[in-house]
Amino acid sequence: MYSRTQNENGTYNTRCLYCFLTVASAVETKEDLEQHESQHVCPERALSELLAAKTAIEAQAKRN
């Protein structure tokens, strides 16, 4: 999930809404913006997904 803003000169910035890292700034096209976003590896999101998976596994184990 990203927050995109457009600068006065028409370029774009994008920020990760999980870790609040600026993924790209002063990018000229939305296609380039999508490329930068697809290459971003967010440690906070990865940790969140791992914790959710762990919780699901523990809940399943308690049911069995």
PDB file of N, CA and C in Angstrom:
ATOM      1  N   MET A   1       0.852  -1.149   0.000  1.00  0.00           N
ATOM      2  CA  MET A   1       0.000   0.000   0.000  1.00  0.00           C
ATOM      3  C   MET A   1       0.911   1.229   0.000  1.00  0.00           C
ATOM      4  N   TYR A   2       0.638   2.120  -0.915  1.00  0.00           N
ATOM      5  CA  TYR A   2       1.499   3.281  -1.097  1.00  0.00           C
ATOM      6  C   TYR A   2       0.682   4.563  -1.147  1.00  0.00           C
ATOM      7  N   SER A   3       1.312   5.638  -0.743  1.00  0.00           N
ATOM      8  CA  SER A   3       0.729   6.965  -0.850  1.00  0.00           C
ATOM      9  C   SER A   3       1.494   7.705  -1.940  1.00  0.00           C
ATOM     10  N   ARG A   4       0.764   8.119  -2.947  1.00  0.00           N
ATOM     11  CA  ARG A   4       1.387   8.835  -4.063  1.00  0.00           C
ATOM     12  C   ARG A   4       1.006  10.308  -4.021  1.00  0.00           C
ATOM     13  N   THR A   5       1.983  11.143  -4.319  1.00  0.00           N
ATOM     14  CA  THR A   5       1.723  12.572  -4.431  1.00  0.00           C
ATOM     15  C   THR A   5       2.357  13.082  -5.708  1.00  0.00           C
ATOM     16  N   GLN A   6       1.770  14.125  -6.254  1.00  0.00           N
ATOM     17  CA  GLN A   6       2.327  14.733  -7.454  1.00  0.00           C
ATOM     18  C   GLN A   6       2.924  16.081  -7.089  1.00  0.00           C
ATOM     19  N   ASN A   7       4.139  16.305  -7.560  1.00  0.00           N
ATOM     20  CA  ASN A   7       4.841  17.555  -7.305  1.00  0.00           C
ATOM     21  C   ASN A   7       4.363  18.642  -8.258  1.00  0.00           C
ATOM     22  N   GLU A   8       4.704  19.866  -7.948  1.00  0.00           N
ATOM     23  CA  GLU A   8       4.308  21.001  -8.780  1.00  0.00           C
ATOM     24  C   GLU A   8       4.834  20.886 -10.211  1.00  0.00           C
ATOM     25  N   ASN A   9       5.988  20.227 -10.385  1.00  0.00           N
ATOM     26  CA  ASN A   9       6.578  20.103 -11.719  1.00  0.00           C
ATOM     27  C   ASN A   9       6.043  18.894 -12.494  1.00  0.00           C
ATOM     28  N   GLY A  10       5.054  18.193 -11.930  1.00  0.00           N
ATOM     29  CA  GLY A  10       4.429  17.070 -12.618  1.00  0.00           C
ATOM     30  C   GLY A  10       5.023  15.712 -12.296  1.00  0.00           C
ATOM     31  N   THR A  11       6.129  15.672 -11.552  1.00  0.00           N
ATOM     32  CA  THR A  11       6.713  14.390 -11.167  1.00  0.00           C
ATOM     33  C   THR A  11       5.972  13.836  -9.956  1.00  0.00           C
ATOM     34  N   TYR A  12       6.265  12.581  -9.629  1.00  0.00           N
ATOM     35  CA  TYR A  12       5.554  11.901  -8.546  1.00  0.00           C
ATOM     36  C   TYR A  12       6.504  11.424  -7.455  1.00  0.00           C
ATOM     37  N   ASN A  13       5.958  11.320  -6.260  1.00  0.00           N
ATOM     38  CA  ASN A  13       6.637  10.693  -5.127  1.00  0.00           C
ATOM     39  C   ASN A  13       5.742   9.554  -4.655  1.00  0.00           C
ATOM     40  N   THR A  14       6.343   8.535  -4.067  1.00  0.00           N
ATOM     41  CA  THR A  14       5.554   7.455  -3.478  1.00  0.00           C
ATOM     42  C   THR A  14       6.179   7.043  -2.161  1.00  0.00           C
ATOM     43  N   ARG A  15       5.314   6.755  -1.196  1.00  0.00           N
ATOM     44  CA  ARG A  15       5.753   6.394   0.152  1.00  0.00           C
ATOM     45  C   ARG A  15       5.013   5.131   0.587  1.00  0.00           C
ATOM     46  N   CYS A  16       5.762   4.213   1.201  1.00  0.00           N
ATOM     47  CA  CYS A  16       5.180   2.980   1.723  1.00  0.00           C
ATOM     48  C   CYS A  16       4.391   3.310   2.990  1.00  0.00           C
ATOM     49  N   LEU A  17       3.152   2.854   3.058  1.00  0.00           N
ATOM     50  CA  LEU A  17       2.310   3.151   4.218  1.00  0.00           C
ATOM     51  C   LEU A  17       2.518   2.169   5.361  1.00  0.00           C
ATOM     52  N   TYR A  18       3.364   1.165   5.167  1.00  0.00           N
ATOM     53  CA  TYR A  18       3.711   0.249   6.255  1.00  0.00           C
ATOM     54  C   TYR A  18       4.929   0.753   7.025  1.00  0.00           C
ATOM     55  N   CYS A  19       5.990   1.108   6.295  1.00  0.00           N
ATOM     56  CA  CYS A  19       7.234   1.518   6.954  1.00  0.00           C
ATOM     57  C   CYS A  19       7.512   3.019   6.806  1.00  0.00           C
ATOM     58  N   PHE A  20       6.679   3.718   6.047  1.00  0.00           N
ATOM     59  CA  PHE A  20       6.793   5.160   5.819  1.00  0.00           C
ATOM     60  C   PHE A  20       8.080   5.579   5.115  1.00  0.00           C
ATOM     61  N   LEU A  21       8.706   4.631   4.431  1.00  0.00           N
ATOM     62  CA  LEU A  21       9.896   4.932   3.648  1.00  0.00           C
ATOM     63  C   LEU A  21       9.479   5.571   2.326  1.00  0.00           C
ATOM     64  N   THR A  22      10.200   6.603   1.906  1.00  0.00           N
ATOM     65  CA  THR A  22       9.985   7.161   0.580  1.00  0.00           C
ATOM     66  C   THR A  22      10.600   6.190  -0.410  1.00  0.00           C
ATOM     67  N   VAL A  23       9.765   5.568  -1.219  1.00  0.00           N
ATOM     68  CA  VAL A  23      10.203   4.542  -2.156  1.00  0.00           C
ATOM     69  C   VAL A  23      10.792   5.184  -3.403  1.00  0.00           C
ATOM     70  N   ALA A  24      10.218   6.290  -3.841  1.00  0.00           N
ATOM     71  CA  ALA A  24      10.718   6.996  -5.015  1.00  0.00           C
ATOM     72  C   ALA A  24      10.294   8.450  -4.934  1.00  0.00           C
ATOM     73  N   SER A  25      11.115   9.305  -5.495  1.00  0.00           N
ATOM     74  CA  SER A  25      10.755  10.721  -5.563  1.00  0.00           C
ATOM     75  C   SER A  25      11.178  11.283  -6.910  1.00  0.00           C
ATOM     76  N   ALA A  26      10.430  12.267  -7.341  1.00  0.00           N
ATOM     77  CA  ALA A  26      10.672  12.951  -8.612  1.00  0.00           C
ATOM     78  C   ALA A  26      10.642  11.993  -9.797  1.00  0.00           C
ATOM     79  N   VAL A  27       9.736  11.017  -9.753  1.00  0.00           N
ATOM     80  CA  VAL A  27       9.570  10.064 -10.846  1.00  0.00           C
ATOM     81  C   VAL A  27       8.640  10.692 -11.880  1.00  0.00           C
ATOM     82  N   GLU A  28       8.979  10.543 -13.145  1.00  0.00           N
ATOM     83  CA  GLU A  28       8.245  11.259 -14.185  1.00  0.00           C
ATOM     84  C   GLU A  28       6.965  10.580 -14.661  1.00  0.00           C
ATOM     85  N   THR A  29       6.890   9.241 -14.600  1.00  0.00           N
ATOM     86  CA  THR A  29       5.691   8.572 -15.103  1.00  0.00           C
ATOM     87  C   THR A  29       5.116   7.625 -14.052  1.00  0.00           C
ATOM     88  N   LYS A  30       3.829   7.357 -14.175  1.00  0.00           N
ATOM     89  CA  LYS A  30       3.191   6.425 -13.256  1.00  0.00           C
ATOM     90  C   LYS A  30       3.722   5.006 -13.459  1.00  0.00           C
ATOM     91  N   GLU A  31       4.136   4.680 -14.671  1.00  0.00           N
ATOM     92  CA  GLU A  31       4.717   3.363 -14.937  1.00  0.00           C
ATOM     93  C   GLU A  31       6.018   3.185 -14.161  1.00  0.00           C
ATOM     94  N   ASP A  32       6.862   4.225 -14.146  1.00  0.00           N
ATOM     95  CA  ASP A  32       8.105   4.168 -13.375  1.00  0.00           C
ATOM     96  C   ASP A  32       7.803   4.072 -11.878  1.00  0.00           C
ATOM     97  N   LEU A  33       6.768   4.748 -11.454  1.00  0.00           N
ATOM     98  CA  LEU A  33       6.348   4.712 -10.060  1.00  0.00           C
ATOM     99  C   LEU A  33       5.964   3.289  -9.660  1.00  0.00           C
ATOM    100  N   GLU A  34       5.185   2.623 -10.502  1.00  0.00           N
ATOM    101  CA  GLU A  34       4.775   1.239 -10.244  1.00  0.00           C
ATOM    102  C   GLU A  34       5.984   0.303 -10.200  1.00  0.00           C
ATOM    103  N   GLN A  35       6.968   0.559 -11.039  1.00  0.00           N
ATOM    104  CA  GLN A  35       8.177  -0.264 -11.032  1.00  0.00           C
ATOM    105  C   GLN A  35       8.927  -0.118  -9.711  1.00  0.00           C
ATOM    106  N   HIS A  36       9.078   1.097  -9.234  1.00  0.00           N
ATOM    107  CA  HIS A  36       9.747   1.329  -7.952  1.00  0.00           C
ATOM    108  C   HIS A  36       8.984   0.655  -6.813  1.00  0.00           C
ATOM    109  N   GLU A  37       7.660   0.787  -6.839  1.00  0.00           N
ATOM    110  CA  GLU A  37       6.842   0.175  -5.787  1.00  0.00           C
ATOM    111  C   GLU A  37       6.956  -1.345  -5.804  1.00  0.00           C
ATOM    112  N   SER A  38       6.996  -1.937  -6.983  1.00  0.00           N
ATOM    113  CA  SER A  38       7.076  -3.394  -7.071  1.00  0.00           C
ATOM    114  C   SER A  38       8.423  -3.925  -6.584  1.00  0.00           C
ATOM    115  N   GLN A  39       9.444  -3.091  -6.585  1.00  0.00           N
ATOM    116  CA  GLN A  39      10.772  -3.510  -6.151  1.00  0.00           C
ATOM    117  C   GLN A  39      11.012  -3.259  -4.658  1.00  0.00           C
ATOM    118  N   HIS A  40      10.103  -2.558  -4.025  1.00  0.00           N
ATOM    119  CA  HIS A  40      10.256  -2.233  -2.600  1.00  0.00           C
ATOM    120  C   HIS A  40      10.014  -3.466  -1.732  1.00  0.00           C
ATOM    121  N   VAL A  41      10.942  -3.768  -0.865  1.00  0.00           N
ATOM    122  CA  VAL A  41      10.788  -4.855   0.108  1.00  0.00           C
ATOM    123  C   VAL A  41      10.623  -4.198   1.478  1.00  0.00           C
ATOM    124  N   CYS A  42       9.435  -4.306   2.007  1.00  0.00           N
ATOM    125  CA  CYS A  42       9.097  -3.636   3.255  1.00  0.00           C
ATOM    126  C   CYS A  42       9.290  -4.592   4.429  1.00  0.00           C
ATOM    127  N   PRO A  43      10.244  -4.338   5.310  1.00  0.00           N
ATOM    128  CA  PRO A  43      10.467  -5.236   6.442  1.00  0.00           C
ATOM    129  C   PRO A  43       9.285  -5.262   7.413  1.00  0.00           C
ATOM    130  N   GLU A  44       8.604  -4.147   7.603  1.00  0.00           N
ATOM    131  CA  GLU A  44       7.470  -4.106   8.517  1.00  0.00           C
ATOM    132  C   GLU A  44       6.314  -4.956   7.995  1.00  0.00           C
ATOM    133  N   ARG A  45       6.074  -4.900   6.689  1.00  0.00           N
ATOM    134  CA  ARG A  45       4.990  -5.702   6.117  1.00  0.00           C
ATOM    135  C   ARG A  45       5.332  -7.189   6.185  1.00  0.00           C
ATOM    136  N   ALA A  46       6.576  -7.538   5.894  1.00  0.00           N
ATOM    137  CA  ALA A  46       6.996  -8.937   5.966  1.00  0.00           C
ATOM    138  C   ALA A  46       6.834  -9.464   7.390  1.00  0.00           C
ATOM    139  N   LEU A  47       7.232  -8.679   8.376  1.00  0.00           N
ATOM    140  CA  LEU A  47       7.091  -9.095   9.772  1.00  0.00           C
ATOM    141  C   LEU A  47       5.620  -9.245  10.148  1.00  0.00           C
ATOM    142  N   SER A  48       4.801  -8.327   9.714  1.00  0.00           N
ATOM    143  CA  SER A  48       3.374  -8.393   9.994  1.00  0.00           C
ATOM    144  C   SER A  48       2.760  -9.655   9.405  1.00  0.00           C
ATOM    145  N   GLU A  49       3.139 -10.004   8.183  1.00  0.00           N
ATOM    146  CA  GLU A  49       2.608 -11.204   7.541  1.00  0.00           C
ATOM    147  C   GLU A  49       3.091 -12.468   8.244  1.00  0.00           C
ATOM    148  N   LEU A  50       4.345 -12.478   8.696  1.00  0.00           N
ATOM    149  CA  LEU A  50       4.862 -13.635   9.426  1.00  0.00           C
ATOM    150  C   LEU A  50       4.132 -13.821  10.755  1.00  0.00           C
ATOM    151  N   LEU A  51       3.893 -12.729  11.464  1.00  0.00           N
ATOM    152  CA  LEU A  51       3.180 -12.816  12.739  1.00  0.00           C
ATOM    153  C   LEU A  51       1.737 -13.276  12.539  1.00  0.00           C
ATOM    154  N   ALA A  52       1.093 -12.822  11.472  1.00  0.00           N
ATOM    155  CA  ALA A  52      -0.275 -13.252  11.184  1.00  0.00           C
ATOM    156  C   ALA A  52      -0.313 -14.739  10.859  1.00  0.00           C
ATOM    157  N   ALA A  53       0.678 -15.216  10.095  1.00  0.00           N
ATOM    158  CA  ALA A  53       0.752 -16.643   9.766  1.00  0.00           C
ATOM    159  C   ALA A  53       0.988 -17.465  11.024  1.00  0.00           C
ATOM    160  N   LYS A  54       1.857 -16.996  11.896  1.00  0.00           N
ATOM    161  CA  LYS A  54       2.137 -17.704  13.152  1.00  0.00           C
ATOM    162  C   LYS A  54       0.879 -17.801  14.004  1.00  0.00           C
ATOM    163  N   THR A  55       0.152 -16.703  14.095  1.00  0.00           N
ATOM    164  CA  THR A  55      -1.086 -16.684  14.874  1.00  0.00           C
ATOM    165  C   THR A  55      -2.101 -17.669  14.299  1.00  0.00           C
ATOM    166  N   ALA A  56      -2.211 -17.718  12.984  1.00  0.00           N
ATOM    167  CA  ALA A  56      -3.146 -18.647  12.339  1.00  0.00           C
ATOM    168  C   ALA A  56      -2.744 -20.093  12.600  1.00  0.00           C
ATOM    169  N   ILE A  57      -1.465 -20.396  12.545  1.00  0.00           N
ATOM    170  CA  ILE A  57      -0.975 -21.752  12.804  1.00  0.00           C
ATOM    171  C   ILE A  57      -1.246 -22.147  14.246  1.00  0.00           C
ATOM    172  N   GLU A  58      -0.996 -21.240  15.179  1.00  0.00           N
ATOM    173  CA  GLU A  58      -1.242 -21.524  16.597  1.00  0.00           C
ATOM    174  C   GLU A  58      -2.727 -21.737  16.862  1.00  0.00           C
ATOM    175  N   ALA A  59      -3.577 -20.944  16.209  1.00  0.00           N
ATOM    176  CA  ALA A  59      -5.026 -21.108  16.390  1.00  0.00           C
ATOM    177  C   ALA A  59      -5.491 -22.444  15.834  1.00  0.00           C
ATOM    178  N   GLN A  60      -4.938 -22.844  14.704  1.00  0.00           N
ATOM    179  CA  GLN A  60      -5.282 -24.131  14.105  1.00  0.00           C
ATOM    180  C   GLN A  60      -4.815 -25.290  15.014  1.00  0.00           C
ATOM    181  N   ALA A  61      -3.659 -25.165  15.595  1.00  0.00           N
ATOM    182  CA  ALA A  61      -3.135 -26.210  16.477  1.00  0.00           C
ATOM    183  C   ALA A  61      -3.994 -26.362  17.724  1.00  0.00           C
ATOM    184  N   LYS A  62      -4.528 -25.271  18.237  1.00  0.00           N
ATOM    185  CA  LYS A  62      -5.384 -25.320  19.422  1.00  0.00           C
ATOM    186  C   LYS A  62      -6.714 -26.006  19.110  1.00  0.00           C
ATOM    187  N   ARG A  63      -7.195 -25.853  17.871  1.00  0.00           N
ATOM    188  CA  ARG A  63      -8.457 -26.471  17.471  1.00  0.00           C
ATOM    189  C   ARG A  63      -8.315 -27.982  17.309  1.00  0.00           C
ATOM    190  N   ASN A  64      -7.108 -28.444  17.005  1.00  0.00           N
ATOM    191  CA  ASN A  64      -6.900 -29.876  16.763  1.00  0.00           C
ATOM    192  C   ASN A  64      -6.519 -30.569  18.001  1.00  0.00           C
TER     193      ASN A  64
END
